[in-house]
C-alpha atoms as a PDB file:
ATOM      1  CA  UNK A   1      96.282 149.931  96.525  1.00  0.00           C
ATOM      2  CA  UNK A   2      97.393 146.165  97.026  1.00  0.00           C
ATOM      3  CA  UNK A   3      96.766 143.725  99.598  1.00  0.00           C
ATOM      4  CA  UNK A   4     100.323 142.828 100.472  1.00  0.00           C
ATOM      5  CA  UNK A   5     100.798 139.232 102.459  1.00  0.00           C
ATOM      6  CA  UNK A   6     103.982 137.957 103.445  1.00  0.00           C
ATOM      7  CA  UNK A   7     103.980 134.235 105.297  1.00  0.00           C
ATOM      8  CA  UNK A   8     107.545 133.656 107.409  1.00  0.00           C
ATOM      9  CA  UNK A   9     108.255 130.118 107.777  1.00  0.00           C
ATOM     10  CA  UNK A  10     111.081 127.890 108.132  1.00  0.00           C
ATOM     11  CA  UNK A  11     109.369 125.362 105.896  1.00  0.00           C
ATOM     12  CA  UNK A  12     111.572 122.330 106.743  1.00  0.00           C
ATOM     13  CA  UNK A  13     110.130 120.661 104.677  1.00  0.00           C
ATOM     14  CA  UNK A  14     106.838 122.447 103.199  1.00  0.00           C
ATOM     15  CA  UNK A  15     103.728 120.244 104.192  1.00  0.00           C
ATOM     16  CA  UNK A  16     100.141 120.081 102.750  1.00  0.00           C
ATOM     17  CA  UNK A  17      99.781 121.964 105.875  1.00  0.00           C
ATOM     18  CA  UNK A  18     101.943 125.264 105.018  1.00  0.00           C
ATOM     19  CA  UNK A  19     100.803 124.106 101.098  1.00  0.00           C
ATOM     20  CA  UNK A  20      96.753 125.049 102.465  1.00  0.00           C
ATOM     21  CA  UNK A  21      97.253 127.931 104.426  1.00  0.00           C
ATOM     22  CA  UNK A  22      99.225 129.231 101.601  1.00  0.00           C
ATOM     23  CA  UNK A  23      96.157 127.791  98.565  1.00  0.00           C
ATOM     24  CA  UNK A  24      93.784 129.536 100.781  1.00  0.00           C
ATOM     25  CA  UNK A  25      95.656 132.598 102.462  1.00  0.00           C
ATOM     26  CA  UNK A  26      96.226 133.326  98.804  1.00  0.00           C
ATOM     27  CA  UNK A  27      92.397 134.176  97.762  1.00  0.00           C
ATOM     28  CA  UNK A  28      92.463 136.731 100.477  1.00  0.00           C
ATOM     29  CA  UNK A  29      95.021 138.920  99.106  1.00  0.00           C
ATOM     30  CA  UNK A  30      96.973 140.504  96.370  1.00  0.00           C
ATOM     31  CA  UNK A  31     100.155 139.387  96.580  1.00  0.00           C
ATOM     32  CA  UNK A  32     100.808 136.803  98.868  1.00  0.00           C
ATOM     33  CA  UNK A  33     104.944 136.214  99.370  1.00  0.00           C
ATOM     34  CA  UNK A  34     106.251 133.342 101.531  1.00  0.00           C
ATOM     35  CA  UNK A  35     109.785 134.272 103.225  1.00  0.00           C
ATOM     36  CA  UNK A  36     111.419 130.504 103.004  1.00  0.00           C
ATOM     37  CA  UNK A  37     113.548 131.578 105.913  1.00  0.00           C
ATOM     38  CA  UNK A  38     116.520 129.962 108.960  1.00  0.00           C
ATOM     39  CA  UNK A  39     115.358 129.482 112.748  1.00  0.00           C
ATOM     40  CA  UNK A  40     117.894 129.236 114.258  1.00  0.00           C
ATOM     41  CA  UNK A  41     116.814 126.739 116.474  1.00  0.00           C
ATOM     42  CA  UNK A  42     116.043 124.026 114.511  1.00  0.00           C
ATOM     43  CA  UNK A  43     117.710 121.202 112.984  1.00  0.00           C
ATOM     44  CA  UNK A  44     117.101 121.935 109.235  1.00  0.00           C
ATOM     45  CA  UNK A  45     116.184 118.393 107.236  1.00  0.00           C
ATOM     46  CA  UNK A  46     117.575 120.033 103.795  1.00  0.00           C
ATOM     47  CA  UNK A  47     119.054 123.148 103.042  1.00  0.00           C
ATOM     48  CA  UNK A  48     118.078 126.785 102.285  1.00  0.00           C
ATOM     49  CA  UNK A  49     119.054 126.750  98.523  1.00  0.00           C
ATOM     50  CA  UNK A  50     117.134 123.372  98.516  1.00  0.00           C
ATOM     51  CA  UNK A  51     113.998 124.913 100.536  1.00  0.00           C
ATOM     52  CA  UNK A  52     113.440 127.716  98.618  1.00  0.00           C
ATOM     53  CA  UNK A  53     113.746 125.369  95.488  1.00  0.00           C
ATOM     54  CA  UNK A  54     111.283 123.290  97.186  1.00  0.00           C
ATOM     55  CA  UNK A  55     109.156 125.491  97.893  1.00  0.00           C
ATOM     56  CA  UNK A  56     108.959 127.128  94.520  1.00  0.00           C
ATOM     57  CA  UNK A  57     107.647 124.235  93.020  1.00  0.00           C
ATOM     58  CA  UNK A  58     105.774 123.569  95.307  1.00  0.00           C
ATOM     59  CA  UNK A  59     103.581 126.755  94.445  1.00  0.00           C
ATOM     60  CA  UNK A  60     104.183 127.501  91.157  1.00  0.00           C
ATOM     61  CA  UNK A  61     100.507 126.695  90.292  1.00  0.00           C
ATOM     62  CA  UNK A  62      99.487 129.731  92.292  1.00  0.00           C
ATOM     63  CA  UNK A  63      99.238 133.032  89.877  1.00  0.00           C
ATOM     64  CA  UNK A  64      99.838 135.879  93.379  1.00  0.00           C
ATOM     65  CA  UNK A  65     102.048 133.297  95.661  1.00  0.00           C
ATOM     66  CA  UNK A  66     105.457 134.358  95.190  1.00  0.00           C
ATOM     67  CA  UNK A  67     108.258 132.951  96.972  1.00  0.00           C
ATOM     68  CA  UNK A  68     112.078 134.861  99.053  1.00  0.00           C
ATOM     69  CA  UNK A  69     114.267 133.807 100.802  1.00  0.00           C
ATOM     70  CA  UNK A  70     115.777 136.607 103.974  1.00  0.00           C
ATOM     71  CA  UNK A  71     119.052 135.890 106.216  1.00  0.00           C
ATOM     72  CA  UNK A  72     119.592 137.596 109.703  1.00  0.00           C
ATOM     73  CA  UNK A  73     116.261 139.608 109.576  1.00  0.00           C
ATOM     74  CA  UNK A  74     113.458 140.359 111.464  1.00  0.00           C
ATOM     75  CA  UNK A  75     110.489 138.880 109.791  1.00  0.00           C
ATOM     76  CA  UNK A  76     108.860 143.394 110.586  1.00  0.00           C
ATOM     77  CA  UNK A  77     111.807 144.206 108.906  1.00  0.00           C
ATOM     78  CA  UNK A  78     110.881 142.316 105.290  1.00  0.00           C
ATOM     79  CA  UNK A  79     107.725 143.244 105.451  1.00  0.00           C
ATOM     80  CA  UNK A  80     108.689 145.871 105.451  1.00  0.00           C
ATOM     81  CA  UNK A  81     111.346 146.226 102.605  1.00  0.00           C
ATOM     82  CA  UNK A  82     108.754 143.932 100.446  1.00  0.00           C
ATOM     83  CA  UNK A  83     105.807 146.864 101.430  1.00  0.00           C
ATOM     84  CA  UNK A  84     103.179 143.519 103.142  1.00  0.00           C
ATOM     85  CA  UNK A  85     100.936 144.586 105.656  1.00  0.00           C
ATOM     86  CA  UNK A  86      99.962 141.611 106.433  1.00  0.00           C
ATOM     87  CA  UNK A  87     101.848 138.364 108.117  1.00  0.00           C
ATOM     88  CA  UNK A  88      99.858 135.703 107.075  1.00  0.00           C
ATOM     89  CA  UNK A  89      99.788 132.604 109.952  1.00  0.00           C
ATOM     90  CA  UNK A  90      98.428 129.009 110.363  1.00  0.00           C
ATOM     91  CA  UNK A  91      96.395 127.891 113.580  1.00  0.00           C
ATOM     92  CA  UNK A  92      96.909 124.234 114.630  1.00  0.00           C
ATOM     93  CA  UNK A  93      96.444 124.385 118.197  1.00  0.00           C
ATOM     94  CA  UNK A  94      96.074 126.386 121.157  1.00  0.00           C
ATOM     95  CA  UNK A  95      99.666 125.864 121.686  1.00  0.00           C
ATOM     96  CA  UNK A  96     100.391 127.225 118.589  1.00  0.00           C
ATOM     97  CA  UNK A  97      97.939 130.126 119.009  1.00  0.00           C
ATOM     98  CA  UNK A  98      99.665 131.299 121.755  1.00  0.00           C
ATOM     99  CA  UNK A  99     103.381 131.016 120.437  1.00  0.00           C
ATOM    100  CA  UNK A 100     101.331 133.224 117.485  1.00  0.00           C
ATOM    101  CA  UNK A 101      99.862 136.037 119.626  1.00  0.00           C
ATOM    102  CA  UNK A 102     102.560 136.451 121.662  1.00  0.00           C
ATOM    103  CA  UNK A 103     104.481 137.037 118.366  1.00  0.00           C
ATOM    104  CA  UNK A 104     101.615 138.848 116.853  1.00  0.00           C
ATOM    105  CA  UNK A 105     102.009 141.438 120.155  1.00  0.00           C
ATOM    106  CA  UNK A 106     106.113 141.872 119.618  1.00  0.00           C
ATOM    107  CA  UNK A 107     105.977 142.302 115.879  1.00  0.00           C
ATOM    108  CA  UNK A 108     102.537 145.099 116.325  1.00  0.00           C
ATOM    109  CA  UNK A 109     104.626 146.929 119.067  1.00  0.00           C
ATOM    110  CA  UNK A 110     107.789 146.414 116.481  1.00  0.00           C
ATOM    111  CA  UNK A 111     105.460 147.603 113.954  1.00  0.00           C
ATOM    112  CA  UNK A 112     102.268 149.321 114.694  1.00  0.00           C
ATOM    113  CA  UNK A 113     101.025 148.848 110.920  1.00  0.00           C
ATOM    114  CA  UNK A 114     102.004 145.508 110.794  1.00  0.00           C
ATOM    115  CA  UNK A 115      98.342 143.413 111.143  1.00  0.00           C
ATOM    116  CA  UNK A 116      98.747 139.248 111.692  1.00  0.00           C
ATOM    117  CA  UNK A 117      95.636 136.825 109.940  1.00  0.00           C
ATOM    118  CA  UNK A 118      95.479 133.853 111.227  1.00  0.00           C
ATOM    119  CA  UNK A 119      93.600 130.887 109.999  1.00  0.00           C
ATOM    120  CA  UNK A 120      92.518 127.732 110.958  1.00  0.00           C
ATOM    121  CA  UNK A 121      94.185 124.577 110.131  1.00  0.00           C
ATOM    122  CA  UNK A 122      92.214 122.136 108.027  1.00  0.00           C
ATOM    123  CA  UNK A 123      90.853 119.723 109.433  1.00  0.00           C
ATOM    124  CA  UNK A 124      92.914 117.445 107.935  1.00  0.00           C
ATOM    125  CA  UNK A 125      96.354 118.095 108.501  1.00  0.00           C
ATOM    126  CA  UNK A 126      95.290 120.217 112.126  1.00  0.00           C
ATOM    127  CA  UNK A 127      97.641 117.716 113.676  1.00  0.00           C
ATOM    128  CA  UNK A 128     100.394 117.684 110.576  1.00  0.00           C
ATOM    129  CA  UNK A 129     103.586 119.877 111.693  1.00  0.00           C
ATOM    130  CA  UNK A 130     106.886 119.484 110.441  1.00  0.00           C
ATOM    131  CA  UNK A 131     108.690 118.866 113.214  1.00  0.00           C
ATOM    132  CA  UNK A 132     106.569 115.808 113.572  1.00  0.00           C
ATOM    133  CA  UNK A 133     107.226 114.443 110.066  1.00  0.00           C
ATOM    134  CA  UNK A 134     110.987 115.271 110.393  1.00  0.00           C
ATOM    135  CA  UNK A 135     111.306 112.032 112.817  1.00  0.00           C
ATOM    136  CA  UNK A 136     108.678 109.360 111.184  1.00  0.00           C
ATOM    137  CA  UNK A 137     110.525 110.167 108.520  1.00  0.00           C
ATOM    138  CA  UNK A 138     113.685 109.931 110.231  1.00  0.00           C
ATOM    139  CA  UNK A 139     112.053 105.633 110.674  1.00  0.00           C
ATOM    140  CA  UNK A 140     111.505 105.104 107.402  1.00  0.00           C
ATOM    141  CA  UNK A 141     107.857 106.233 108.452  1.00  0.00           C
ATOM    142  CA  UNK A 142     105.177 106.839 105.530  1.00  0.00           C
ATOM    143  CA  UNK A 143     104.772 110.752 105.413  1.00  0.00           C
ATOM    144  CA  UNK A 144     103.673 110.583 101.531  1.00  0.00           C
ATOM    145  CA  UNK A 145      99.705 111.678 102.108  1.00  0.00           C
ATOM    146  CA  UNK A 146     101.529 114.876 104.256  1.00  0.00           C
ATOM    147  CA  UNK A 147     103.979 116.599 101.752  1.00  0.00           C
ATOM    148  CA  UNK A 148     103.822 117.490  98.530  1.00  0.00           C
ATOM    149  CA  UNK A 149     104.874 115.727  95.158  1.00  0.00           C
ATOM    150  CA  UNK A 150     108.126 118.050  94.995  1.00  0.00           C
ATOM    151  CA  UNK A 151     108.827 117.438  98.882  1.00  0.00           C
ATOM    152  CA  UNK A 152     108.133 114.487  98.572  1.00  0.00           C
ATOM    153  CA  UNK A 153     110.323 113.254  95.381  1.00  0.00           C
ATOM    154  CA  UNK A 154     112.528 115.327  97.453  1.00  0.00           C
ATOM    155  CA  UNK A 155     112.985 113.450 100.129  1.00  0.00           C
ATOM    156  CA  UNK A 156     113.391 109.847  98.116  1.00  0.00           C
ATOM    157  CA  UNK A 157     116.101 110.726  96.672  1.00  0.00           C
ATOM    158  CA  UNK A 158     117.499 112.431  99.924  1.00  0.00           C
ATOM    159  CA  UNK A 159     116.821 108.181 102.122  1.00  0.00           C
ATOM    160  CA  UNK A 160     118.446 106.549  98.678  1.00  0.00           C
ATOM    161  CA  UNK A 161     122.234 108.768  99.281  1.00  0.00           C
ATOM    162  CA  UNK A 162     122.041 108.068 102.786  1.00  0.00           C
ATOM    163  CA  UNK A 163     120.967 104.699 102.906  1.00  0.00           C
ATOM    164  CA  UNK A 164     124.144 104.386 100.103  1.00  0.00           C
END
């Protein structure tokens, strides 16, 4: 049986921390599916189509990773539709752990066959979050070291459009 995992997120923007989790997670599973989802509680920097394209471009070098999008469906339902028996999540801090633990327990309630797998963030990215980067971006701070090249280039184009 193939070990298939789903790594869901809004990825707005995809960070080097996300990419590191994807690269490491891909080594654990036969197939890793990155789900670019909508988070209704967050204001988006990039549109859904832009995020999907940027994630695809950023993970193109990883053979057993594919990228999907899904709107208006529970993560556990998407996982079931895809045949994924694992949810991959990255943990940066105790705060992340508490949040992810609650979600994992609810997901387990909704689908008892679905296992959540937590990867600790690499130390060099444990302080990086999309929310923090968005705040720095608003004030034209340098975030180049924390974004995959395609994402950084798209961000620079977006900044140029805003300035015109």
